Amino acid sequence: MGYRHIMEKHSSDINNLAELLFKFTNSYRLLIGGAADLNTIALARKKEVRNAIKRADELGIIIDELIEVIDYCDYTYFDYCKIKSDYITCKNKLDIIKTEIDEELSFFNEKEKKP
């Protein structure tokens, strides 16, 4: 398995983690909103409100762990992207410079040939 293939799989894993984070944060917001709504209802018991807040707190802990995992994984993938980009940039600039020099030399040679 090539390094590129490994990095593509790694990138896919990071995307899956980011998608999970998105879903969890939306759920967290809904849980917090639900707890706030329960708190405003006169018939709601304090225990129900506490339980709603506890569920939101538990999901918040999972979200924090997920963020740590994404941070840890990102560095490897970012390093890969930077190294690849530097290599491509270096190669492309070298090729572009050579092409420009060749075109300029051809232009001056043609100019000198014309009387």
N, C-alpha and C. Protein backbone atom coordinates (compact mmCIF):
# COMPACT_ATOMS: atom_id res chain seq x y z
N MET A 1 0.85 -1.17 0.00
CA MET A 1 0.00 0.00 0.00
C MET A 1 0.89 1.23 0.00
N GLY A 2 0.68 2.14 -0.97
CA GLY A 2 1.49 3.32 -1.08
C GLY A 2 1.17 4.35 -0.01
N TYR A 3 2.12 5.26 0.18
CA TYR A 3 1.95 6.30 1.20
C TYR A 3 0.75 7.19 0.87
N ARG A 4 0.58 7.48 -0.42
CA ARG A 4 -0.55 8.31 -0.84
C ARG A 4 -1.87 7.64 -0.46
N HIS A 5 -1.95 6.34 -0.68
CA HIS A 5 -3.17 5.60 -0.35
C HIS A 5 -3.43 5.65 1.16
N ILE A 6 -2.39 5.52 1.92
CA ILE A 6 -2.52 5.60 3.39
C ILE A 6 -3.04 6.97 3.79
N MET A 7 -2.50 8.03 3.18
CA MET A 7 -2.93 9.38 3.51
C MET A 7 -4.37 9.65 3.06
N GLU A 8 -4.78 9.05 1.95
CA GLU A 8 -6.16 9.20 1.51
C GLU A 8 -7.11 8.55 2.52
N LYS A 9 -6.74 7.37 3.01
CA LYS A 9 -7.53 6.70 4.04
C LYS A 9 -7.56 7.54 5.32
N HIS A 10 -6.41 8.10 5.67
CA HIS A 10 -6.30 8.95 6.86
C HIS A 10 -7.20 10.18 6.71
N SER A 11 -7.16 10.78 5.54
CA SER A 11 -8.01 11.94 5.27
C SER A 11 -9.48 11.57 5.39
N SER A 12 -9.84 10.41 4.89
CA SER A 12 -11.22 9.94 5.00
C SER A 12 -11.62 9.76 6.46
N ASP A 13 -10.71 9.24 7.26
CA ASP A 13 -10.97 9.08 8.70
C ASP A 13 -11.19 10.43 9.37
N ILE A 14 -10.37 11.41 9.00
CA ILE A 14 -10.51 12.75 9.58
C ILE A 14 -11.85 13.36 9.17
N ASN A 15 -12.23 13.16 7.91
CA ASN A 15 -13.54 13.67 7.46
C ASN A 15 -14.68 13.02 8.24
N ASN A 16 -14.56 11.72 8.50
CA ASN A 16 -15.59 11.03 9.29
C ASN A 16 -15.66 11.59 10.70
N LEU A 17 -14.50 11.86 11.29
CA LEU A 17 -14.47 12.45 12.64
C LEU A 17 -15.09 13.84 12.64
N ALA A 18 -14.79 14.62 11.61
CA ALA A 18 -15.36 15.97 11.51
C ALA A 18 -16.87 15.92 11.35
N GLU A 19 -17.34 14.95 10.60
CA GLU A 19 -18.79 14.77 10.44
C GLU A 19 -19.44 14.39 11.77
N LEU A 20 -18.78 13.50 12.50
CA LEU A 20 -19.28 13.15 13.83
C LEU A 20 -19.33 14.37 14.75
N LEU A 21 -18.29 15.18 14.69
CA LEU A 21 -18.24 16.38 15.52
C LEU A 21 -19.41 17.29 15.18
N PHE A 22 -19.68 17.45 13.89
CA PHE A 22 -20.80 18.29 13.45
C PHE A 22 -22.12 17.76 14.03
N LYS A 23 -22.32 16.46 13.92
CA LYS A 23 -23.57 15.86 14.41
C LYS A 23 -23.68 15.97 15.93
N PHE A 24 -22.57 15.71 16.61
CA PHE A 24 -22.59 15.78 18.07
C PHE A 24 -22.83 17.21 18.56
N THR A 25 -22.21 18.19 17.91
CA THR A 25 -22.42 19.57 18.36
C THR A 25 -23.85 20.02 18.11
N ASN A 26 -24.45 19.56 17.02
CA ASN A 26 -25.86 19.88 16.80
C ASN A 26 -26.74 19.22 17.87
N SER A 27 -26.44 17.99 18.21
CA SER A 27 -27.19 17.31 19.27
C SER A 27 -27.00 18.02 20.60
N TYR A 28 -25.78 18.46 20.85
CA TYR A 28 -25.48 19.18 22.10
C TYR A 28 -26.32 20.46 22.19
N ARG A 29 -26.37 21.20 21.08
CA ARG A 29 -27.17 22.43 21.07
C ARG A 29 -28.64 22.13 21.34
N LEU A 30 -29.14 21.05 20.74
CA LEU A 30 -30.53 20.68 20.98
C LEU A 30 -30.77 20.27 22.43
N LEU A 31 -29.82 19.55 23.01
CA LEU A 31 -29.95 19.15 24.42
C LEU A 31 -29.96 20.37 25.34
N ILE A 32 -29.08 21.32 25.06
CA ILE A 32 -29.03 22.54 25.87
C ILE A 32 -30.33 23.32 25.72
N GLY A 33 -30.80 23.43 24.47
CA GLY A 33 -32.07 24.13 24.24
C GLY A 33 -33.23 23.44 24.93
N GLY A 34 -33.23 22.09 24.90
CA GLY A 34 -34.28 21.34 25.58
C GLY A 34 -34.23 21.55 27.08
N ALA A 35 -33.03 21.57 27.63
CA ALA A 35 -32.89 21.81 29.08
C ALA A 35 -33.38 23.22 29.43
N ALA A 36 -33.07 24.19 28.59
CA ALA A 36 -33.52 25.56 28.84
C ALA A 36 -35.05 25.64 28.76
N ASP A 37 -35.63 24.94 27.79
CA ASP A 37 -37.09 24.93 27.68
C ASP A 37 -37.73 24.28 28.89
N LEU A 38 -37.16 23.15 29.33
CA LEU A 38 -37.68 22.48 30.53
C LEU A 38 -37.63 23.40 31.74
N ASN A 39 -36.58 24.16 31.83
CA ASN A 39 -36.39 25.06 32.98
C ASN A 39 -37.46 26.15 33.02
N THR A 40 -37.99 26.52 31.85
CA THR A 40 -39.00 27.59 31.81
C THR A 40 -40.42 27.06 32.03
N ILE A 41 -40.58 25.75 31.92
CA ILE A 41 -41.91 25.16 32.11
C ILE A 41 -42.15 24.99 33.61
N ALA A 42 -43.26 25.53 34.06
CA ALA A 42 -43.57 25.49 35.49
C ALA A 42 -43.82 24.07 35.98
N LEU A 43 -44.36 23.22 35.12
CA LEU A 43 -44.70 21.85 35.55
C LEU A 43 -43.49 20.90 35.56
N ALA A 44 -42.38 21.33 34.97
CA ALA A 44 -41.20 20.46 34.91
C ALA A 44 -40.58 20.32 36.31
N ARG A 45 -40.15 19.12 36.60
CA ARG A 45 -39.50 18.87 37.88
C ARG A 45 -38.02 19.24 37.78
N LYS A 46 -37.45 19.61 38.91
CA LYS A 46 -36.03 19.97 38.93
C LYS A 46 -35.16 18.79 38.52
N LYS A 47 -35.60 17.60 38.88
CA LYS A 47 -34.84 16.40 38.53
C LYS A 47 -34.77 16.23 37.01
N GLU A 48 -35.86 16.52 36.31
CA GLU A 48 -35.89 16.42 34.85
C GLU A 48 -34.91 17.41 34.23
N VAL A 49 -34.90 18.62 34.76
CA VAL A 49 -33.97 19.65 34.26
C VAL A 49 -32.53 19.22 34.52
N ARG A 50 -32.26 18.73 35.72
CA ARG A 50 -30.90 18.26 36.05
C ARG A 50 -30.47 17.12 35.13
N ASN A 51 -31.38 16.19 34.87
CA ASN A 51 -31.06 15.07 33.98
C ASN A 51 -30.76 15.56 32.56
N ALA A 52 -31.53 16.53 32.10
CA ALA A 52 -31.30 17.08 30.76
C ALA A 52 -29.93 17.75 30.69
N ILE A 53 -29.58 18.48 31.74
CA ILE A 53 -28.27 19.14 31.79
C ILE A 53 -27.16 18.09 31.88
N LYS A 54 -27.39 17.03 32.65
CA LYS A 54 -26.40 15.96 32.78
C LYS A 54 -26.13 15.30 31.43
N ARG A 55 -27.20 15.04 30.65
CA ARG A 55 -27.02 14.45 29.32
C ARG A 55 -26.21 15.37 28.42
N ALA A 56 -26.50 16.65 28.48
CA ALA A 56 -25.75 17.63 27.68
C ALA A 56 -24.28 17.65 28.11
N ASP A 57 -24.03 17.59 29.42
CA ASP A 57 -22.65 17.58 29.92
C ASP A 57 -21.90 16.33 29.45
N GLU A 58 -22.57 15.18 29.49
CA GLU A 58 -21.93 13.93 29.04
C GLU A 58 -21.58 14.00 27.56
N LEU A 59 -22.48 14.55 26.76
CA LEU A 59 -22.19 14.71 25.33
C LEU A 59 -21.08 15.73 25.13
N GLY A 60 -21.04 16.75 25.96
CA GLY A 60 -19.96 17.74 25.89
C GLY A 60 -18.59 17.12 26.13
N ILE A 61 -18.51 16.17 27.04
CA ILE A 61 -17.26 15.46 27.31
C ILE A 61 -16.84 14.65 26.08
N ILE A 62 -17.80 13.98 25.45
CA ILE A 62 -17.50 13.22 24.23
C ILE A 62 -17.01 14.16 23.13
N ILE A 63 -17.64 15.31 23.00
CA ILE A 63 -17.23 16.30 21.98
C ILE A 63 -15.80 16.76 22.25
N ASP A 64 -15.46 17.01 23.51
CA ASP A 64 -14.09 17.43 23.86
C ASP A 64 -13.08 16.36 23.46
N GLU A 65 -13.41 15.10 23.72
CA GLU A 65 -12.50 14.00 23.34
C GLU A 65 -12.37 13.90 21.83
N LEU A 66 -13.46 14.08 21.13
CA LEU A 66 -13.45 14.04 19.67
C LEU A 66 -12.58 15.15 19.09
N ILE A 67 -12.66 16.32 19.67
CA ILE A 67 -11.83 17.44 19.22
C ILE A 67 -10.35 17.12 19.43
N GLU A 68 -10.02 16.52 20.56
CA GLU A 68 -8.62 16.12 20.82
C GLU A 68 -8.13 15.13 19.78
N VAL A 69 -8.96 14.15 19.43
CA VAL A 69 -8.58 13.15 18.43
C VAL A 69 -8.36 13.81 17.08
N ILE A 70 -9.26 14.69 16.69
CA ILE A 70 -9.12 15.38 15.40
C ILE A 70 -7.84 16.22 15.39
N ASP A 71 -7.58 16.94 16.47
CA ASP A 71 -6.34 17.73 16.56
C ASP A 71 -5.11 16.85 16.39
N TYR A 72 -5.12 15.71 17.04
CA TYR A 72 -3.98 14.79 16.98
C TYR A 72 -3.79 14.25 15.55
N CYS A 73 -4.88 13.89 14.90
CA CYS A 73 -4.82 13.31 13.55
C CYS A 73 -4.47 14.34 12.49
N ASP A 74 -4.93 15.55 12.69
CA ASP A 74 -4.72 16.60 11.68
C ASP A 74 -3.26 16.85 11.38
N TYR A 75 -2.41 16.83 12.39
CA TYR A 75 -1.01 17.19 12.19
C TYR A 75 -0.33 16.29 11.16
N THR A 76 -0.59 15.00 11.22
CA THR A 76 0.02 14.08 10.27
C THR A 76 -0.44 14.39 8.86
N TYR A 77 -1.73 14.58 8.71
CA TYR A 77 -2.27 14.85 7.38
C TYR A 77 -1.81 16.22 6.87
N PHE A 78 -1.78 17.21 7.74
CA PHE A 78 -1.32 18.54 7.33
C PHE A 78 0.14 18.50 6.91
N ASP A 79 0.96 17.76 7.66
CA ASP A 79 2.37 17.63 7.28
C ASP A 79 2.51 17.00 5.90
N TYR A 80 1.73 15.95 5.65
CA TYR A 80 1.74 15.30 4.34
C TYR A 80 1.38 16.30 3.24
N CYS A 81 0.31 17.07 3.47
CA CYS A 81 -0.13 18.05 2.47
C CYS A 81 0.93 19.13 2.24
N LYS A 82 1.57 19.59 3.30
CA LYS A 82 2.60 20.62 3.16
C LYS A 82 3.80 20.10 2.38
N ILE A 83 4.26 18.91 2.72
CA ILE A 83 5.42 18.33 2.03
C ILE A 83 5.10 18.12 0.57
N LYS A 84 3.92 17.59 0.29
CA LYS A 84 3.51 17.36 -1.09
C LYS A 84 3.42 18.68 -1.85
N SER A 85 2.83 19.67 -1.22
CA SER A 85 2.69 20.98 -1.85
C SER A 85 4.06 21.62 -2.12
N ASP A 86 4.95 21.53 -1.15
CA ASP A 86 6.30 22.08 -1.34
C ASP A 86 7.01 21.41 -2.50
N TYR A 87 6.88 20.11 -2.60
CA TYR A 87 7.52 19.37 -3.69
C TYR A 87 6.94 19.77 -5.04
N ILE A 88 5.60 19.84 -5.11
CA ILE A 88 4.95 20.22 -6.36
C ILE A 88 5.33 21.65 -6.75
N THR A 89 5.32 22.54 -5.77
CA THR A 89 5.68 23.93 -6.03
C THR A 89 7.11 24.04 -6.53
N CYS A 90 8.01 23.33 -5.88
CA CYS A 90 9.42 23.35 -6.26
C CYS A 90 9.58 22.83 -7.69
N LYS A 91 8.97 21.70 -7.99
CA LYS A 91 9.07 21.10 -9.32
C LYS A 91 8.43 22.00 -10.37
N ASN A 92 7.26 22.53 -10.08
CA ASN A 92 6.56 23.36 -11.05
C ASN A 92 7.32 24.66 -11.31
N LYS A 93 7.83 25.27 -10.26
CA LYS A 93 8.57 26.52 -10.45
C LYS A 93 9.81 26.27 -11.29
N LEU A 94 10.49 25.18 -11.05
CA LEU A 94 11.68 24.86 -11.82
C LEU A 94 11.32 24.67 -13.29
N ASP A 95 10.26 23.93 -13.56
CA ASP A 95 9.82 23.71 -14.94
C ASP A 95 9.38 25.01 -15.59
N ILE A 96 8.65 25.83 -14.85
CA ILE A 96 8.19 27.11 -15.40
C ILE A 96 9.37 28.01 -15.72
N ILE A 97 10.33 28.08 -14.83
CA ILE A 97 11.50 28.93 -15.05
C ILE A 97 12.27 28.45 -16.28
N LYS A 98 12.45 27.15 -16.40
CA LYS A 98 13.15 26.61 -17.57
C LYS A 98 12.40 26.94 -18.85
N THR A 99 11.08 26.80 -18.82
CA THR A 99 10.27 27.11 -20.00
C THR A 99 10.38 28.58 -20.36
N GLU A 100 10.31 29.44 -19.38
CA GLU A 100 10.41 30.88 -19.64
C GLU A 100 11.77 31.24 -20.24
N ILE A 101 12.82 30.65 -19.72
CA ILE A 101 14.16 30.92 -20.24
C ILE A 101 14.27 30.42 -21.68
N ASP A 102 13.76 29.22 -21.95
CA ASP A 102 13.78 28.67 -23.30
C ASP A 102 13.01 29.57 -24.27
N GLU A 103 11.85 30.03 -23.87
CA GLU A 103 11.05 30.91 -24.73
C GLU A 103 11.77 32.24 -24.99
N GLU A 104 12.37 32.76 -23.94
CA GLU A 104 13.09 34.03 -24.09
C GLU A 104 14.28 33.87 -25.02
N LEU A 105 15.02 32.78 -24.87
CA LEU A 105 16.17 32.53 -25.75
C LEU A 105 15.72 32.34 -27.20
N SER A 106 14.62 31.62 -27.38
CA SER A 106 14.09 31.43 -28.73
C SER A 106 13.67 32.76 -29.34
N PHE A 107 13.03 33.60 -28.54
CA PHE A 107 12.59 34.90 -29.03
C PHE A 107 13.78 35.76 -29.46
N PHE A 108 14.83 35.80 -28.63
CA PHE A 108 16.00 36.61 -28.97
C PHE A 108 16.75 36.03 -30.17
N ASN A 109 16.80 34.71 -30.29
CA ASN A 109 17.46 34.08 -31.43
C ASN A 109 16.72 34.41 -32.72
N GLU A 110 15.40 34.39 -32.70
CA GLU A 110 14.61 34.72 -33.88
C GLU A 110 14.77 36.19 -34.24
N LYS A 111 14.87 37.02 -33.25
CA LYS A 111 15.01 38.47 -33.47
C LYS A 111 16.36 38.75 -34.15
N GLU A 112 17.41 38.06 -33.73
CA GLU A 112 18.74 38.28 -34.29
C GLU A 112 18.82 37.76 -35.72
N LYS A 113 18.06 36.73 -36.05
CA LYS A 113 18.10 36.17 -37.40
C LYS A 113 17.46 37.09 -38.43
N LYS A 114 16.47 37.86 -38.01
CA LYS A 114 15.77 38.75 -38.94
C LYS A 114 16.63 39.97 -39.22
N PRO A 115 16.79 40.35 -40.54
CA PRO A 115 17.60 41.53 -40.87
C PRO A 115 16.91 42.83 -40.66
